[in-house]
């Protein structure tokens, strides 16, 4: 599973992307965040913030359920600009 951290999340995560293989099936977005953040409480807090959108396989999941197969996850912070 490829995980992408754009914007300021790159600094919090210490990298722009991560490759990981979940050991168990992820049941919810909270499970996904816990798996990706690991012991990094700063990253866990940032990814759990209500302004962060979770994009899975290039679409926003409906509710908290995850698809059976996850190839790519992007945690999208708010965008700014003009």
N, C-alpha and C. Protein backbone atom coordinates (compact mmCIF):
# COMPACT_ATOMS: atom_id res chain seq x y z
N UNK A 1 0.85 -1.16 0.00
CA UNK A 1 0.00 0.00 0.00
C UNK A 1 0.90 1.23 0.00
N UNK A 2 0.66 2.10 -0.92
CA UNK A 2 1.42 3.35 -1.03
C UNK A 2 0.65 4.42 -0.27
N UNK A 3 1.34 5.14 0.64
CA UNK A 3 0.73 6.20 1.43
C UNK A 3 1.42 7.51 1.09
N UNK A 4 0.62 8.53 0.77
CA UNK A 4 1.16 9.82 0.34
C UNK A 4 0.81 10.90 1.37
N UNK A 5 1.82 11.72 1.71
CA UNK A 5 1.66 12.81 2.66
C UNK A 5 1.97 14.14 1.97
N UNK A 6 1.00 14.79 1.34
CA UNK A 6 1.27 16.07 0.69
C UNK A 6 1.26 17.24 1.68
N UNK A 7 1.73 18.37 1.22
CA UNK A 7 1.68 19.60 2.02
C UNK A 7 2.46 19.48 3.32
N UNK A 8 1.92 20.11 4.36
CA UNK A 8 2.62 20.12 5.65
C UNK A 8 2.70 18.73 6.29
N UNK A 9 1.87 17.79 5.85
CA UNK A 9 1.94 16.43 6.41
C UNK A 9 3.27 15.76 6.08
N UNK A 10 3.90 16.19 4.98
CA UNK A 10 5.22 15.66 4.61
C UNK A 10 6.22 15.95 5.73
N UNK A 11 6.16 17.15 6.28
CA UNK A 11 7.08 17.51 7.36
C UNK A 11 6.77 16.73 8.64
N UNK A 12 5.50 16.57 8.94
CA UNK A 12 5.10 15.83 10.14
C UNK A 12 5.50 14.36 10.03
N UNK A 13 5.30 13.79 8.84
CA UNK A 13 5.63 12.37 8.63
C UNK A 13 7.13 12.15 8.44
N UNK A 14 7.85 13.20 8.04
CA UNK A 14 9.29 13.06 7.77
C UNK A 14 9.58 12.47 6.41
N UNK A 15 8.58 12.39 5.57
CA UNK A 15 8.73 11.86 4.21
C UNK A 15 7.48 12.21 3.41
N UNK A 16 7.57 12.12 2.09
CA UNK A 16 6.42 12.43 1.25
C UNK A 16 5.58 11.19 0.97
N UNK A 17 6.20 10.02 1.02
CA UNK A 17 5.42 8.79 0.83
C UNK A 17 6.03 7.63 1.58
N UNK A 18 5.23 6.60 1.71
CA UNK A 18 5.60 5.42 2.48
C UNK A 18 5.00 4.21 1.81
N UNK A 19 5.73 3.14 1.77
CA UNK A 19 5.20 1.86 1.29
C UNK A 19 5.04 0.96 2.50
N UNK A 20 3.86 0.39 2.67
CA UNK A 20 3.61 -0.47 3.82
C UNK A 20 2.65 -1.58 3.43
N UNK A 21 2.72 -2.66 4.17
CA UNK A 21 1.79 -3.77 3.95
C UNK A 21 1.09 -4.02 5.28
N UNK A 22 -0.22 -3.79 5.35
CA UNK A 22 -0.93 -4.05 6.61
C UNK A 22 -0.86 -5.53 6.97
N UNK A 23 -0.54 -5.80 8.26
CA UNK A 23 -0.47 -7.19 8.70
C UNK A 23 -1.86 -7.83 8.81
N UNK A 24 -2.84 -7.00 9.10
CA UNK A 24 -4.21 -7.48 9.23
C UNK A 24 -5.13 -6.60 8.40
N UNK A 25 -6.34 -7.08 8.18
CA UNK A 25 -7.31 -6.29 7.42
C UNK A 25 -7.66 -5.03 8.21
N UNK A 26 -7.65 -3.92 7.54
CA UNK A 26 -8.01 -2.66 8.16
C UNK A 26 -9.52 -2.49 8.06
N UNK A 27 -10.18 -2.30 9.19
CA UNK A 27 -11.64 -2.22 9.23
C UNK A 27 -12.18 -0.81 9.09
N UNK A 28 -11.38 0.20 9.48
CA UNK A 28 -11.90 1.57 9.51
C UNK A 28 -10.78 2.56 9.20
N UNK A 29 -11.17 3.81 8.99
CA UNK A 29 -10.19 4.87 8.77
C UNK A 29 -9.31 5.02 10.00
N UNK A 30 -9.88 4.87 11.20
CA UNK A 30 -9.08 4.93 12.42
C UNK A 30 -8.01 3.83 12.44
N UNK A 31 -8.36 2.62 12.01
CA UNK A 31 -7.38 1.53 11.91
C UNK A 31 -6.26 1.91 10.94
N UNK A 32 -6.65 2.50 9.83
CA UNK A 32 -5.68 2.91 8.81
C UNK A 32 -4.72 3.95 9.38
N UNK A 33 -5.25 4.96 10.06
CA UNK A 33 -4.42 6.01 10.65
C UNK A 33 -3.47 5.41 11.68
N UNK A 34 -3.98 4.53 12.53
CA UNK A 34 -3.14 3.90 13.55
C UNK A 34 -2.01 3.09 12.90
N UNK A 35 -2.31 2.39 11.83
CA UNK A 35 -1.29 1.58 11.13
C UNK A 35 -0.24 2.47 10.49
N UNK A 36 -0.67 3.53 9.85
CA UNK A 36 0.27 4.42 9.14
C UNK A 36 1.11 5.23 10.13
N UNK A 37 0.49 5.74 11.18
CA UNK A 37 1.20 6.60 12.13
C UNK A 37 2.11 5.81 13.07
N UNK A 38 1.75 4.58 13.38
CA UNK A 38 2.56 3.79 14.30
C UNK A 38 2.69 4.48 15.65
N UNK A 39 3.92 4.63 16.12
CA UNK A 39 4.18 5.25 17.42
C UNK A 39 4.32 6.77 17.34
N UNK A 40 4.18 7.35 16.16
CA UNK A 40 4.35 8.79 15.98
C UNK A 40 3.05 9.51 16.37
N UNK A 41 2.96 9.96 17.62
CA UNK A 41 1.74 10.60 18.10
C UNK A 41 1.46 11.92 17.39
N UNK A 42 2.51 12.62 16.99
CA UNK A 42 2.32 13.87 16.24
C UNK A 42 1.62 13.59 14.91
N UNK A 43 2.09 12.57 14.21
CA UNK A 43 1.50 12.21 12.92
C UNK A 43 0.09 11.68 13.12
N UNK A 44 -0.13 10.89 14.14
CA UNK A 44 -1.47 10.38 14.43
C UNK A 44 -2.46 11.51 14.64
N UNK A 45 -2.06 12.50 15.42
CA UNK A 45 -2.91 13.66 15.66
C UNK A 45 -3.19 14.45 14.39
N UNK A 46 -2.15 14.63 13.58
CA UNK A 46 -2.31 15.38 12.33
C UNK A 46 -3.25 14.66 11.36
N UNK A 47 -3.08 13.33 11.22
CA UNK A 47 -3.91 12.57 10.29
C UNK A 47 -5.35 12.44 10.76
N UNK A 48 -5.57 12.55 12.08
CA UNK A 48 -6.92 12.44 12.65
C UNK A 48 -7.68 13.76 12.65
N UNK A 49 -6.99 14.84 12.32
CA UNK A 49 -7.64 16.16 12.35
C UNK A 49 -8.82 16.20 11.37
N UNK A 50 -9.93 16.82 11.78
CA UNK A 50 -11.12 16.84 10.91
C UNK A 50 -10.92 17.53 9.55
N UNK A 51 -9.90 18.36 9.42
CA UNK A 51 -9.69 19.04 8.14
C UNK A 51 -8.95 18.17 7.12
N UNK A 52 -8.45 17.01 7.55
CA UNK A 52 -7.72 16.11 6.66
C UNK A 52 -8.69 15.17 5.96
N UNK A 53 -8.61 15.13 4.64
CA UNK A 53 -9.43 14.21 3.85
C UNK A 53 -8.60 12.97 3.52
N UNK A 54 -9.21 11.82 3.68
CA UNK A 54 -8.55 10.56 3.36
C UNK A 54 -9.02 10.12 1.98
N UNK A 55 -8.09 9.96 1.07
CA UNK A 55 -8.39 9.53 -0.29
C UNK A 55 -7.85 8.11 -0.44
N UNK A 56 -8.71 7.17 -0.79
CA UNK A 56 -8.31 5.78 -0.92
C UNK A 56 -8.55 5.32 -2.35
N UNK A 57 -7.51 4.85 -2.99
CA UNK A 57 -7.61 4.41 -4.40
C UNK A 57 -8.24 5.50 -5.26
N UNK A 58 -7.82 6.74 -5.00
CA UNK A 58 -8.23 7.92 -5.77
C UNK A 58 -9.70 8.30 -5.60
N UNK A 59 -10.32 7.89 -4.50
CA UNK A 59 -11.69 8.33 -4.21
C UNK A 59 -11.87 8.48 -2.70
N UNK A 60 -12.85 9.29 -2.32
CA UNK A 60 -13.15 9.51 -0.92
C UNK A 60 -14.11 8.42 -0.46
N UNK A 61 -13.74 7.67 0.58
CA UNK A 61 -14.64 6.59 1.03
C UNK A 61 -15.91 7.15 1.64
N UNK A 62 -17.00 6.42 1.49
CA UNK A 62 -18.27 6.79 2.11
C UNK A 62 -18.25 6.28 3.54
N UNK A 63 -18.35 7.17 4.50
CA UNK A 63 -18.33 6.76 5.89
C UNK A 63 -16.96 6.30 6.33
N UNK A 64 -16.94 5.37 7.27
CA UNK A 64 -15.69 4.92 7.86
C UNK A 64 -15.22 3.58 7.30
N UNK A 65 -16.01 2.98 6.41
CA UNK A 65 -15.65 1.67 5.88
C UNK A 65 -14.57 1.79 4.81
N UNK A 66 -13.73 0.78 4.76
CA UNK A 66 -12.64 0.75 3.79
C UNK A 66 -12.88 -0.35 2.76
N UNK A 67 -12.38 -0.16 1.54
CA UNK A 67 -12.50 -1.24 0.55
C UNK A 67 -11.64 -2.43 0.95
N UNK A 68 -11.94 -3.59 0.38
CA UNK A 68 -11.16 -4.79 0.68
C UNK A 68 -9.71 -4.65 0.24
N UNK A 69 -9.51 -4.00 -0.90
CA UNK A 69 -8.15 -3.83 -1.43
C UNK A 69 -7.80 -2.34 -1.42
N UNK A 70 -6.67 -2.03 -0.78
CA UNK A 70 -6.19 -0.65 -0.74
C UNK A 70 -4.82 -0.62 -1.38
N UNK A 71 -4.71 0.05 -2.53
CA UNK A 71 -3.43 0.18 -3.21
C UNK A 71 -2.74 1.50 -2.87
N UNK A 72 -3.55 2.56 -2.70
CA UNK A 72 -2.98 3.88 -2.46
C UNK A 72 -3.86 4.67 -1.51
N UNK A 73 -3.21 5.37 -0.57
CA UNK A 73 -3.90 6.25 0.36
C UNK A 73 -3.20 7.60 0.32
N UNK A 74 -3.98 8.66 0.25
CA UNK A 74 -3.42 10.01 0.36
C UNK A 74 -4.17 10.73 1.47
N UNK A 75 -3.43 11.36 2.36
CA UNK A 75 -4.02 12.19 3.41
C UNK A 75 -3.90 13.62 2.93
N UNK A 76 -5.03 14.24 2.58
CA UNK A 76 -5.01 15.55 1.96
C UNK A 76 -5.34 16.66 2.96
N UNK A 77 -4.36 17.54 3.22
CA UNK A 77 -4.64 18.69 4.08
C UNK A 77 -5.41 19.75 3.29
N UNK A 78 -5.96 20.75 3.98
CA UNK A 78 -6.67 21.82 3.27
C UNK A 78 -5.73 22.49 2.26
N UNK A 79 -6.30 22.91 1.16
CA UNK A 79 -5.52 23.62 0.14
C UNK A 79 -5.76 25.11 0.26
N UNK A 80 -4.75 25.89 -0.07
CA UNK A 80 -4.90 27.33 -0.07
C UNK A 80 -4.30 27.87 -1.36
N UNK A 81 -4.60 29.08 -1.62
CA UNK A 81 -4.07 29.70 -2.83
C UNK A 81 -5.12 30.59 -3.46
N UNK A 82 -4.77 31.14 -4.56
CA UNK A 82 -5.74 32.04 -5.15
C UNK A 82 -5.67 32.10 -6.63
